[in-house]
Amino acid sequence: MKPMKKKDYEQALEPLQLELNDLAHWLTHTGRRMMVLFEGRDTAGKGGAINTIAERLNPRQVRIVALPKPTDRERTQWYFQRYVDHLPSAGELVMFDRSWYNRAGVEKVMGFCTADEYKLFMRQAPVFETMLADDGILLYKYWLSVDQVYQEERFAERAEDPLKRWKLSPIDLKARERYADYGRARDAMFEATHTKHAPWFVVNFDDQRRGRLNLIRHLLDQVPDRKVPIEQLELPPLPGKPATERFAGPVKPIRERY
C-alpha cells in the first residue's frame, strides 16, 4: 500500500478533529474521565499520534504523560504508584506515551526487572485496571504495530536528522536486535492483560498517517453518543475604536527580523 499523501491525510483529519472537540465537550459536560495508553515498538509513532489528538484541544483539559525512568525513590515504591498521580480528574483526557506496560515490554526484554517482578506485574495489572474501570474511568489501550522494515527506515531517519536524533537512545540501538523478543513479550502481555473492562486494540502504523486516522476514528467510536448542547457565544461590538498595544516603560518589543 502506498503511503497516504499529505493532502489526503489533512482532508481526512479535519473532520476527525472536530469530532474530538465534541468528545472533549462531552467529557466536560458529563464529568467523565478518560485515559488512553499508547504502546508499541520504538518508532511506531506513539508521540505523533498523541500530538495529533491533542493539538486542537484545550491543553487545560488534555494532559500528556511521558514519564522518565524511575528515580531511586520510585524504585522502592509499589510499581503502579508513580502513575496514580497522573490519573484523570473529572472532564479530563489523559494520554500516556508509554505506561506501566514498560514492565511487560522493555523491562522484560532488556532485563531491567526480575522474573518475580515481571510475574507480579502480570498478575496485578488487570486488577489495577479493574479498579480504574470500577471507579468510572474510561480506559483504552492501543498497540501501534510496525513491521521491522519500516522501523529500520525510521531509525535511519532519526540517525541522520539532527532534529530527530534526540529520539534515538542507546536502548533503541540494542532493541533493534530483539525484534522477535519484543513480539513474544507483546503476545504474553496481551494474553495476561486483555480484558473486557480494559481491552487492547492493535492499529497498523506502517503508514503513520493512516494509522493516526484509524486510531482516532476507533477511539471516537468508543463513545458514539457524545453530542451535548454547546452554548452559542456572540461577540458584542467594541465600545470604541480598536486600541493599539503601546509600551510606556523601559521594556520594549524585540527587533523584528522576519
Protein backbone atom coordinates (compact mmCIF):
# COMPACT_ATOMS: atom_id res chain seq x y z
CA MET A 1 0.00 0.00 0.00
CA LYS A 2 1.36 3.41 -0.97
CA PRO A 3 1.91 5.97 1.79
CA MET A 4 -1.00 8.33 2.22
CA LYS A 5 -0.46 11.74 0.64
CA LYS A 6 -0.26 14.70 2.99
CA LYS A 7 -3.15 16.49 1.28
CA ASP A 8 -5.45 13.47 1.58
CA TYR A 9 -4.39 12.99 5.19
CA GLU A 10 -5.14 16.57 6.17
CA GLN A 11 -8.54 16.45 4.47
CA ALA A 12 -9.46 13.29 6.38
CA LEU A 13 -8.05 14.58 9.67
CA GLU A 14 -10.00 17.84 9.92
CA PRO A 15 -13.47 16.30 10.48
CA LEU A 16 -11.98 13.87 12.99
CA GLN A 17 -10.51 16.76 14.95
CA LEU A 18 -13.94 18.39 15.02
CA GLU A 19 -15.31 15.16 16.47
CA LEU A 20 -12.50 15.14 19.03
CA ASN A 21 -13.73 18.55 20.13
CA ASP A 22 -17.20 17.04 20.54
CA LEU A 23 -15.63 14.35 22.70
CA ALA A 24 -13.88 16.98 24.81
CA HIS A 25 -17.16 18.88 25.29
CA TRP A 26 -18.84 15.61 26.26
CA LEU A 27 -16.19 14.92 28.89
CA THR A 28 -16.63 18.41 30.33
CA HIS A 29 -20.43 18.16 30.28
CA THR A 30 -20.63 14.72 31.86
CA GLY A 31 -17.58 14.90 34.12
CA ARG A 32 -16.37 11.55 32.79
CA ARG A 33 -12.68 10.69 32.91
CA MET A 34 -10.77 9.12 30.03
CA MET A 35 -7.35 7.51 29.80
CA VAL A 36 -5.67 6.30 26.63
CA LEU A 37 -2.47 4.25 26.74
CA PHE A 38 -0.19 4.26 23.70
CA GLU A 39 2.20 1.35 23.48
CA GLY A 40 4.27 -0.12 20.67
CA ARG A 41 7.76 -0.65 19.39
CA ASP A 42 10.26 2.18 19.09
CA THR A 43 9.47 4.44 16.10
CA ALA A 44 5.89 3.15 15.85
CA GLY A 45 4.52 6.69 16.08
CA LYS A 46 3.11 6.99 19.59
CA GLY A 47 4.16 10.60 20.13
CA GLY A 48 2.89 11.73 16.75
CA ALA A 49 -0.50 10.10 17.31
CA ILE A 50 -0.83 11.69 20.74
CA ASN A 51 0.12 15.13 19.45
CA THR A 52 -2.36 14.83 16.60
CA ILE A 53 -5.18 14.15 19.05
CA ALA A 54 -4.14 16.93 21.43
CA GLU A 55 -3.19 19.72 19.04
CA ARG A 56 -6.72 21.14 18.56
CA LEU A 57 -7.95 20.52 22.12
CA ASN A 58 -7.80 22.62 25.28
CA PRO A 59 -4.42 21.97 26.96
CA ARG A 60 -6.05 22.60 30.35
CA GLN A 61 -8.29 19.60 29.74
CA VAL A 62 -5.91 17.26 27.92
CA ARG A 63 -2.72 16.02 29.56
CA ILE A 64 0.13 14.03 28.04
CA VAL A 65 2.13 11.82 30.38
CA ALA A 66 5.57 10.59 29.31
CA LEU A 67 7.44 9.60 32.44
CA PRO A 68 11.23 9.20 32.56
CA LYS A 69 12.86 6.16 34.10
CA PRO A 70 12.02 5.71 37.80
CA THR A 71 14.06 7.56 40.40
CA ASP A 72 15.84 5.68 43.18
CA ARG A 73 12.95 6.56 45.50
CA GLU A 74 10.31 5.43 43.00
CA ARG A 75 12.06 2.08 42.63
CA THR A 76 11.26 1.39 46.29
CA GLN A 77 7.53 2.07 45.80
CA TRP A 78 4.66 -0.06 44.57
CA TYR A 79 5.23 -0.30 40.84
CA PHE A 80 1.97 1.45 39.87
CA GLN A 81 2.35 4.22 42.45
CA ARG A 82 4.03 6.82 40.28
CA TYR A 83 1.29 6.51 37.67
CA VAL A 84 -1.54 7.14 40.13
CA ASP A 85 -0.68 10.84 40.43
CA HIS A 86 -1.42 11.25 36.73
CA LEU A 87 -4.89 9.69 36.65
CA PRO A 88 -7.58 11.98 35.18
CA SER A 89 -9.92 14.18 37.15
CA ALA A 90 -13.48 14.99 36.08
CA GLY A 91 -13.69 16.09 32.45
CA GLU A 92 -10.07 15.26 31.64
CA LEU A 93 -8.45 13.21 28.90
CA VAL A 94 -5.03 11.82 29.85
CA MET A 95 -2.83 10.14 27.25
CA PHE A 96 0.16 8.04 28.27
CA ASP A 97 3.13 7.90 25.89
CA ARG A 98 4.17 4.51 27.24
CA SER A 99 2.75 3.48 30.58
CA TRP A 100 3.01 0.87 33.30
CA TYR A 101 3.35 -1.64 30.47
CA ASN A 102 7.04 -0.79 30.29
CA ARG A 103 7.43 -3.65 32.72
CA ALA A 104 5.86 -6.12 30.30
CA GLY A 105 7.89 -4.81 27.36
CA VAL A 106 11.27 -3.12 27.56
CA GLU A 107 11.93 -4.12 31.18
CA LYS A 108 11.16 -7.75 30.46
CA VAL A 109 13.10 -7.94 27.19
CA MET A 110 16.14 -5.92 28.29
CA GLY A 111 16.39 -7.48 31.75
CA PHE A 112 15.54 -4.33 33.72
CA CYS A 113 13.26 -6.23 36.10
CA THR A 114 13.47 -9.58 37.84
CA ALA A 115 11.38 -12.60 36.89
CA ASP A 116 9.40 -12.22 40.12
CA GLU A 117 8.73 -8.52 39.47
CA TYR A 118 7.51 -9.38 35.98
CA LYS A 119 5.19 -12.14 37.19
CA LEU A 120 3.79 -9.90 39.92
CA PHE A 121 3.09 -7.15 37.38
CA MET A 122 1.26 -9.52 35.05
CA ARG A 123 -1.00 -10.55 37.94
CA GLN A 124 -1.56 -7.05 39.29
CA ALA A 125 -2.10 -5.09 36.04
CA PRO A 126 -5.60 -6.49 35.34
CA VAL A 127 -6.55 -5.93 38.99
CA PHE A 128 -5.29 -2.34 38.91
CA GLU A 129 -7.18 -1.65 35.69
CA THR A 130 -10.34 -3.23 37.08
CA MET A 131 -10.16 -0.75 39.95
CA LEU A 132 -9.86 2.14 37.48
CA ALA A 133 -12.81 0.91 35.43
CA ASP A 134 -14.94 0.23 38.52
CA ASP A 135 -14.35 3.83 39.60
CA GLY A 136 -15.72 5.06 36.27
CA ILE A 137 -12.55 5.80 34.31
CA LEU A 138 -12.79 5.06 30.58
CA LEU A 139 -9.57 3.18 29.78
CA TYR A 140 -8.41 2.33 26.26
CA LYS A 141 -5.13 0.62 25.40
CA TYR A 142 -3.63 0.85 21.92
CA TRP A 143 -0.72 -1.08 20.49
CA LEU A 144 0.78 0.65 17.44
CA SER A 145 2.25 -2.06 15.23
CA VAL A 146 5.12 -1.53 12.80
CA ASP A 147 6.97 -4.05 10.64
CA GLN A 148 10.73 -4.11 11.04
CA VAL A 149 11.46 -2.82 7.54
CA TYR A 150 9.61 0.43 8.36
CA GLN A 151 11.12 0.56 11.82
CA GLU A 152 14.60 0.42 10.28
CA GLU A 153 13.73 3.24 7.87
CA ARG A 154 12.66 5.41 10.80
CA PHE A 155 15.74 4.54 12.85
CA ALA A 156 17.90 5.62 9.89
CA GLU A 157 15.94 8.86 9.55
CA ARG A 158 16.46 9.61 13.24
CA ALA A 159 20.18 8.94 12.98
CA GLU A 160 20.53 11.30 10.00
CA ASP A 161 18.16 14.11 11.02
CA PRO A 162 19.60 16.39 13.75
CA LEU A 163 16.05 17.46 14.67
CA LYS A 164 15.07 13.85 15.38
CA ARG A 165 18.33 12.47 16.75
CA TRP A 166 17.19 13.04 20.34
CA LYS A 167 14.64 10.27 19.79
CA LEU A 168 17.40 7.69 19.29
CA SER A 169 18.83 6.23 22.50
CA PRO A 170 21.38 3.50 23.25
CA ILE A 171 18.48 1.29 24.37
CA ASP A 172 16.85 1.77 20.96
CA LEU A 173 20.01 0.54 19.26
CA LYS A 174 20.12 -2.58 21.43
CA ALA A 175 16.40 -3.18 20.91
CA ARG A 176 16.92 -3.41 17.12
CA GLU A 177 18.38 -6.86 17.65
CA ARG A 178 15.44 -8.01 19.80
CA TYR A 179 12.50 -7.54 17.42
CA ALA A 180 11.29 -11.13 17.85
CA ASP A 181 11.77 -11.00 21.63
CA TYR A 182 9.60 -7.89 21.82
CA GLY A 183 6.95 -9.68 19.78
CA ARG A 184 6.88 -12.59 22.22
CA ALA A 185 6.70 -10.20 25.17
CA ARG A 186 3.82 -8.35 23.50
CA ASP A 187 1.87 -11.57 22.97
CA ALA A 188 2.36 -12.61 26.60
CA MET A 189 1.21 -9.15 27.70
CA PHE A 190 -1.94 -9.39 25.57
CA GLU A 191 -2.68 -12.86 26.92
CA ALA A 192 -2.49 -11.69 30.54
CA THR A 193 -4.00 -8.20 30.33
CA HIS A 194 -6.57 -8.13 27.51
CA THR A 195 -9.80 -7.93 29.50
CA LYS A 196 -13.40 -6.86 28.96
CA HIS A 197 -13.01 -3.72 31.06
CA ALA A 198 -9.59 -2.78 29.62
CA PRO A 199 -9.14 -4.35 26.17
CA TRP A 200 -6.19 -3.96 23.84
CA PHE A 201 -6.62 -2.58 20.31
CA VAL A 202 -3.96 -3.06 17.63
CA VAL A 203 -3.52 -0.38 14.95
CA ASN A 204 -1.31 -0.78 11.88
CA PHE A 205 1.23 2.07 11.87
CA ASP A 206 3.37 1.02 8.91
CA ASP A 207 1.92 4.19 7.37
CA GLN A 208 1.75 6.63 10.26
CA ARG A 209 -0.78 8.94 8.62
CA ARG A 210 -3.23 6.12 8.01
CA GLY A 211 -2.52 4.79 11.48
CA ARG A 212 -3.38 8.09 13.15
CA LEU A 213 -6.65 8.39 11.25
CA ASN A 214 -7.68 4.81 12.02
CA LEU A 215 -6.79 5.15 15.70
CA ILE A 216 -8.69 8.41 16.13
CA ARG A 217 -11.73 7.02 14.30
CA HIS A 218 -11.71 3.94 16.52
CA LEU A 219 -11.30 5.98 19.71
CA LEU A 220 -14.22 8.23 18.77
CA ASP A 221 -16.38 5.20 18.05
CA GLN A 222 -15.93 4.04 21.64
CA VAL A 223 -18.15 6.96 22.74
CA PRO A 224 -20.77 7.13 19.98
CA ASP A 225 -23.35 9.19 21.90
CA ARG A 226 -21.20 12.22 22.69
CA LYS A 227 -23.26 15.13 21.34
CA VAL A 228 -24.07 17.67 24.06
CA PRO A 229 -25.56 21.18 23.89
CA ILE A 230 -22.94 23.85 23.26
CA GLU A 231 -23.67 27.41 24.31
CA GLN A 232 -23.50 29.79 21.38
CA LEU A 233 -21.41 32.88 22.06
CA GLU A 234 -21.91 36.24 20.41
CA LEU A 235 -19.27 38.95 20.50
CA PRO A 236 -20.79 42.36 21.23
CA PRO A 237 -19.28 45.31 19.34
CA LEU A 238 -16.39 47.18 20.94
CA PRO A 239 -17.38 50.45 22.63
CA GLY A 240 -14.86 52.38 20.54
CA LYS A 241 -12.03 52.16 18.02
CA PRO A 242 -9.71 49.11 18.44
CA ALA A 243 -6.67 50.07 20.53
CA THR A 244 -3.01 49.60 19.68
CA GLU A 245 -0.80 47.99 22.30
CA ARG A 246 1.78 50.57 23.46
CA PHE A 247 4.66 50.30 25.92
CA ALA A 248 5.48 53.33 28.08
CA GLY A 249 8.10 51.81 30.41
CA PRO A 250 11.64 50.51 29.89
CA VAL A 251 10.54 47.21 28.30
CA LYS A 252 10.15 47.35 24.52
CA PRO A 253 9.42 44.76 21.81
CA ILE A 254 12.42 42.97 20.33
CA ARG A 255 13.69 43.86 16.87
CA GLU A 256 11.65 42.13 14.19
CA ARG A 257 13.81 40.05 11.86
CA TYR A 258 11.14 38.13 9.95
